[in-house]
Amino acid sequence: MNEEQITEGVKKQATWWLKERLKKLQDERHDSMEVNPFMAPLVAALHGNKNFTDLADFLIGGHFSIGHATGFGKLVDEKILPNVFGTIKLDKKNRRGNIFEEPCFDNIDHVVHRRNGDALLSLKASKWTIQLGQAVELNSSFNTIRTLLNDGHHHYQEIVMGVFYGTEDRLTDKYRLVRGISTGANHDVYDLRNYVKVLAGQRFWAWLGENEETQQWVMQGILNAINENQHQLNESQDLMEEYKNSFVRRYSHHIAKNGTVDWSSVLRGING
């Protein structure tokens, strides 16, 4: 796998993602966005928002940010890894009828082909994508997978937890717990340091693409997709402005006589 293959492959998948998100914008209606009437005045105060036009930028940005983040995770997991890097995505079809149906494999997302033997990949987005309870559960599941290996039930010699942005030294201690490294309270975890490793950011992409420059090639593919779809992206910016104006009109009647936002009126309008 070389630079051109990765760059072109990522460009194709990123183009698909941009078009899918554009469809979401085209289909979105402002009344589908829920506003927390208790948090809104606090946010407005923190950011100095005096009217709904100012507040709309923050709220709408947050609303779409959640969908974009979820969609990007799927882009990496379901499109870029299998279609560009040739991994086997462990969806229902690929789990059916084999050892991957065992519950201990539930948090294994991909099989990654390596020259020295296939590896199991558990994919995470960032340092915050794992909590204490999940870390302990993962440690137990991964220990069961290692036991199955030792008993001859499969041939996967390694589990990699891949974090696609950040660096290992900035990850939370939950990632160490997954490997059985407990630095504080006793969490009753198994020592898996010889079977599970954690790779984040540049080191993860370098491992995946077997080249230190892999993350740069992925980024270039994304930038090429943006450049080639700029006309459609201009349309998305117009849609966002239209969406904001529609949102402002929806709440414009919650204005007090002195011109300030009547938050009690907003509350009644949302909660009844």
Protein backbone atom coordinates (compact mmCIF):
# COMPACT_ATOMS: atom_id res chain seq x y z
CA MET A 1 0.00 0.00 0.00
CA ASN A 2 1.58 3.27 -1.12
CA GLU A 3 0.96 7.00 -0.86
CA GLU A 4 -1.15 7.25 -4.02
CA GLN A 5 -3.36 4.31 -3.09
CA ILE A 6 -4.04 5.69 0.38
CA THR A 7 -4.53 9.29 -0.75
CA GLU A 8 -6.92 8.35 -3.57
CA GLY A 9 -8.76 5.84 -1.40
CA VAL A 10 -9.31 8.32 1.42
CA LYS A 11 -10.37 11.02 -1.06
CA LYS A 12 -13.08 8.71 -2.41
CA GLN A 13 -14.40 7.87 1.06
CA ALA A 14 -14.20 11.46 2.31
CA THR A 15 -16.12 12.63 -0.77
CA TRP A 16 -18.84 10.12 0.07
CA TRP A 17 -18.94 11.43 3.65
CA LEU A 18 -19.18 15.07 2.59
CA LYS A 19 -22.11 14.28 0.30
CA GLU A 20 -23.86 12.30 3.06
CA ARG A 21 -23.48 15.17 5.54
CA LEU A 22 -24.72 17.62 2.90
CA LYS A 23 -27.86 15.50 2.53
CA LYS A 24 -28.33 15.74 6.29
CA LEU A 25 -28.14 19.52 6.08
CA GLN A 26 -30.59 19.60 3.18
CA ASP A 27 -33.09 17.40 5.03
CA GLU A 28 -32.65 19.02 8.45
CA ARG A 29 -35.43 21.19 9.89
CA HIS A 30 -34.79 23.70 12.65
CA ASP A 31 -37.65 22.31 14.75
CA SER A 32 -35.78 19.00 15.04
CA MET A 33 -33.19 20.66 17.28
CA GLU A 34 -33.97 20.42 20.96
CA VAL A 35 -32.99 23.41 23.11
CA ASN A 36 -32.34 22.92 26.82
CA PRO A 37 -34.29 25.89 28.29
CA PHE A 38 -32.37 25.75 31.57
CA MET A 39 -28.90 25.67 30.01
CA ALA A 40 -29.59 28.23 27.26
CA PRO A 41 -29.55 31.34 29.52
CA LEU A 42 -26.37 30.09 31.21
CA VAL A 43 -24.67 29.60 27.84
CA ALA A 44 -25.90 33.01 26.67
CA ALA A 45 -24.46 34.63 29.80
CA LEU A 46 -21.12 32.83 29.47
CA HIS A 47 -20.71 33.81 25.82
CA GLY A 48 -22.21 37.28 26.04
CA ASN A 49 -25.09 36.42 23.70
CA LYS A 50 -27.67 39.21 23.80
CA ASN A 51 -30.13 37.82 21.27
CA PHE A 52 -31.14 34.63 19.49
CA THR A 53 -29.01 35.42 16.46
CA ASP A 54 -25.86 35.31 18.61
CA LEU A 55 -27.04 32.27 20.56
CA ALA A 56 -28.05 30.42 17.39
CA ASP A 57 -24.44 30.17 16.18
CA PHE A 58 -23.42 28.34 19.34
CA LEU A 59 -26.46 26.08 19.65
CA ILE A 60 -26.63 25.14 15.98
CA GLY A 61 -22.91 24.50 15.87
CA GLY A 62 -23.22 22.15 18.83
CA HIS A 63 -26.25 20.43 17.32
CA PHE A 64 -24.51 19.60 14.06
CA SER A 65 -21.15 18.92 15.73
CA ILE A 66 -22.55 15.84 17.45
CA GLY A 67 -23.82 14.42 14.17
CA HIS A 68 -20.61 15.26 12.35
CA ALA A 69 -18.48 13.58 15.04
CA THR A 70 -20.61 10.43 14.98
CA GLY A 71 -20.56 10.42 11.19
CA PHE A 72 -16.79 10.84 11.07
CA GLY A 73 -16.31 7.91 13.43
CA LYS A 74 -18.34 5.78 11.02
CA LEU A 75 -16.32 7.11 8.10
CA VAL A 76 -13.10 5.81 9.64
CA ASP A 77 -14.60 2.59 11.03
CA GLU A 78 -16.87 1.52 8.19
CA LYS A 79 -15.31 3.10 5.10
CA ILE A 80 -11.65 4.11 5.37
CA LEU A 81 -10.32 1.13 7.31
CA PRO A 82 -11.93 -1.65 5.25
CA ASN A 83 -12.00 0.06 1.84
CA VAL A 84 -8.61 1.77 1.95
CA PHE A 85 -6.53 -0.33 4.33
CA GLY A 86 -8.15 -3.69 3.61
CA THR A 87 -9.20 -4.54 7.16
CA ILE A 88 -12.09 -6.91 7.84
CA LYS A 89 -14.86 -4.95 9.55
CA LEU A 90 -16.51 -7.26 12.07
CA ASP A 91 -20.11 -6.49 11.22
CA LYS A 92 -22.91 -9.03 11.70
CA LYS A 93 -22.11 -10.78 8.44
CA ASN A 94 -18.43 -11.28 9.25
CA ARG A 95 -19.15 -12.45 12.80
CA ARG A 96 -21.75 -15.00 11.85
CA GLY A 97 -20.75 -18.65 12.17
CA ASN A 98 -17.27 -18.18 13.66
CA ILE A 99 -15.47 -17.39 16.90
CA PHE A 100 -16.30 -13.68 16.63
CA GLU A 101 -19.82 -14.51 17.82
CA GLU A 102 -18.34 -15.09 21.30
CA PRO A 103 -19.22 -12.15 23.63
CA CYS A 104 -15.57 -11.48 24.44
CA PHE A 105 -15.10 -10.28 20.84
CA ASP A 106 -17.89 -7.68 21.04
CA ASN A 107 -15.39 -4.82 21.40
CA ILE A 108 -13.14 -6.04 18.60
CA ASP A 109 -13.98 -3.98 15.52
CA HIS A 110 -11.59 -5.17 12.81
CA VAL A 111 -9.16 -7.85 11.80
CA VAL A 112 -6.02 -6.22 10.38
CA HIS A 113 -3.81 -8.19 8.01
CA ARG A 114 -0.13 -8.03 8.95
CA ARG A 115 2.96 -9.61 7.39
CA ASN A 116 3.73 -11.43 10.63
CA GLY A 117 0.14 -12.52 11.34
CA ASP A 118 -3.30 -10.95 11.61
CA ALA A 119 -4.09 -8.63 14.54
CA LEU A 120 -7.34 -7.73 16.27
CA LEU A 121 -8.23 -4.03 16.40
CA SER A 122 -10.43 -2.27 18.94
CA LEU A 123 -10.97 1.23 17.60
CA LYS A 124 -11.43 4.38 19.71
CA ALA A 125 -11.70 8.01 18.64
CA SER A 126 -9.87 9.89 21.39
CA LYS A 127 -8.60 9.96 24.98
CA TRP A 128 -12.16 10.45 26.28
CA THR A 129 -13.80 7.54 24.44
CA ILE A 130 -13.45 5.09 27.33
CA GLN A 131 -14.70 5.19 30.92
CA LEU A 132 -13.63 3.25 34.02
CA GLY A 133 -16.29 0.54 33.87
CA GLN A 134 -15.66 -0.07 30.18
CA ALA A 135 -11.89 -0.25 30.73
CA VAL A 136 -12.27 -3.00 33.33
CA GLU A 137 -14.77 -4.83 31.11
CA LEU A 138 -12.41 -4.61 28.13
CA ASN A 139 -9.55 -5.98 30.20
CA SER A 140 -11.66 -8.98 31.17
CA SER A 141 -12.85 -9.59 27.60
CA PHE A 142 -9.34 -9.29 26.19
CA ASN A 143 -8.07 -11.72 28.81
CA THR A 144 -10.70 -14.24 27.66
CA ILE A 145 -9.53 -13.76 24.07
CA ARG A 146 -5.94 -14.45 25.16
CA THR A 147 -7.09 -17.59 26.99
CA LEU A 148 -8.86 -18.78 23.84
CA LEU A 149 -5.61 -18.19 21.92
CA ASN A 150 -3.60 -20.21 24.42
CA ASP A 151 -6.16 -23.01 24.17
CA GLY A 152 -5.82 -23.09 20.38
CA HIS A 153 -9.23 -21.68 19.44
CA HIS A 154 -7.89 -18.87 17.24
CA HIS A 155 -4.60 -17.56 15.83
CA TYR A 156 -4.68 -13.83 16.62
CA GLN A 157 -1.42 -13.06 18.39
CA GLU A 158 -2.11 -9.43 19.24
CA ILE A 159 -4.85 -6.97 20.17
CA VAL A 160 -4.31 -3.32 19.29
CA MET A 161 -6.39 -0.51 20.75
CA GLY A 162 -6.19 2.14 18.06
CA VAL A 163 -6.97 5.77 18.91
CA PHE A 164 -7.11 7.79 15.72
CA TYR A 165 -6.14 11.15 17.16
CA GLY A 166 -3.98 12.20 20.09
CA THR A 167 -0.82 10.65 21.54
CA GLU A 168 -0.35 7.82 24.02
CA ASP A 169 1.19 10.02 26.70
CA ARG A 170 -1.97 12.15 26.76
CA LEU A 171 -4.44 9.29 27.04
CA THR A 172 -6.30 8.78 30.31
CA ASP A 173 -5.28 6.03 32.72
CA LYS A 174 -8.30 4.01 31.51
CA TYR A 175 -6.22 2.89 28.54
CA ARG A 176 -3.58 1.57 30.91
CA LEU A 177 -6.25 -0.30 32.85
CA VAL A 178 -7.25 -2.10 29.66
CA ARG A 179 -3.72 -3.53 29.57
CA GLY A 180 -3.88 -4.40 33.27
CA ILE A 181 -1.78 -1.50 34.57
CA SER A 182 -3.47 -0.20 37.73
CA THR A 183 -1.80 2.88 39.17
CA GLY A 184 -4.38 3.77 41.80
CA ALA A 185 -7.16 1.72 43.34
CA ASN A 186 -7.14 -2.03 42.92
CA HIS A 187 -9.48 -2.72 40.00
CA ASP A 188 -8.79 -6.47 39.85
CA VAL A 189 -7.48 -6.44 36.28
CA TYR A 190 -5.34 -8.96 34.38
CA ASP A 191 -1.82 -8.15 33.20
CA LEU A 192 -2.15 -8.12 29.41
CA ARG A 193 0.91 -6.08 28.55
CA ASN A 194 2.32 -8.95 26.50
CA TYR A 195 -0.88 -9.26 24.43
CA VAL A 196 -2.58 -5.84 24.22
CA LYS A 197 -0.97 -2.60 23.08
CA VAL A 198 -2.35 0.90 22.69
CA LEU A 199 -1.41 3.06 19.71
CA ALA A 200 -2.63 6.64 19.28
CA GLY A 201 -2.42 9.29 16.60
CA GLN A 202 0.59 9.11 14.31
CA ARG A 203 1.74 5.78 15.75
CA PHE A 204 -1.66 4.19 15.11
CA TRP A 205 -1.79 5.33 11.48
CA ALA A 206 1.84 4.33 10.93
CA TRP A 207 1.05 0.84 12.24
CA LEU A 208 -2.09 0.59 10.12
CA GLY A 209 -0.44 1.72 6.88
CA GLU A 210 2.98 0.29 7.71
CA ASN A 211 4.56 3.66 6.92
CA GLU A 212 5.45 6.61 9.18
CA GLU A 213 3.82 9.04 6.73
CA THR A 214 0.42 7.34 6.66
CA GLN A 215 -1.46 10.00 8.62
CA GLN A 216 -0.17 12.69 6.22
CA TRP A 217 -1.49 10.69 3.27
CA VAL A 218 -4.87 10.33 4.99
CA MET A 219 -4.98 14.09 5.58
CA GLN A 220 -4.06 14.78 1.96
CA GLY A 221 -6.89 12.55 0.79
CA ILE A 222 -9.32 14.52 2.97
CA LEU A 223 -8.03 17.86 1.65
CA ASN A 224 -8.28 16.65 -1.94
CA ALA A 225 -11.91 15.65 -1.33
CA ILE A 226 -12.64 19.13 0.02
CA ASN A 227 -11.00 20.83 -2.96
CA GLU A 228 -12.86 18.71 -5.50
CA ASN A 229 -16.24 19.30 -3.84
CA GLN A 230 -15.91 23.01 -3.06
CA HIS A 231 -18.95 24.01 -5.13
CA GLN A 232 -21.24 21.73 -3.13
CA LEU A 233 -19.64 22.87 0.12
CA ASN A 234 -20.53 26.46 -0.75
CA GLU A 235 -24.14 25.29 -0.94
CA SER A 236 -23.85 23.81 2.55
CA GLN A 237 -22.76 27.17 3.95
CA ASP A 238 -25.85 28.79 2.42
CA LEU A 239 -28.00 26.06 3.98
CA MET A 240 -26.48 26.73 7.40
CA GLU A 241 -27.32 30.44 7.12
CA GLU A 242 -30.88 29.59 6.11
CA TYR A 243 -31.13 27.14 9.00
CA LYS A 244 -29.94 29.80 11.46
CA ASN A 245 -32.42 32.38 10.22
CA SER A 246 -35.26 29.90 10.50
CA PHE A 247 -34.21 29.05 14.05
CA VAL A 248 -34.11 32.73 15.02
CA ARG A 249 -37.60 33.30 13.62
CA ARG A 250 -38.87 30.35 15.64
CA TYR A 251 -37.81 31.98 18.91
CA SER A 252 -38.21 35.66 18.02
CA HIS A 253 -41.52 36.01 19.88
CA HIS A 254 -39.76 35.27 23.20
CA ILE A 255 -38.45 38.83 23.39
CA ALA A 256 -39.40 41.08 26.31
CA LYS A 257 -40.51 44.69 25.84
CA ASN A 258 -37.05 45.94 26.76
CA GLY A 259 -35.54 43.91 23.91
CA THR A 260 -33.92 41.19 26.05
CA VAL A 261 -34.66 37.48 25.85
CA ASP A 262 -37.56 36.40 28.06
CA TRP A 263 -36.17 33.12 29.32
CA SER A 264 -39.32 32.29 31.27
CA SER A 265 -41.25 32.55 28.02
CA VAL A 266 -38.72 30.28 26.34
CA LEU A 267 -39.14 27.78 29.16
CA ARG A 268 -42.96 27.75 28.81
CA GLY A 269 -42.66 27.44 25.03
CA ILE A 270 -40.44 24.36 25.32
CA ASN A 271 -41.70 22.65 28.49
CA GLY A 272 -45.33 23.79 28.53
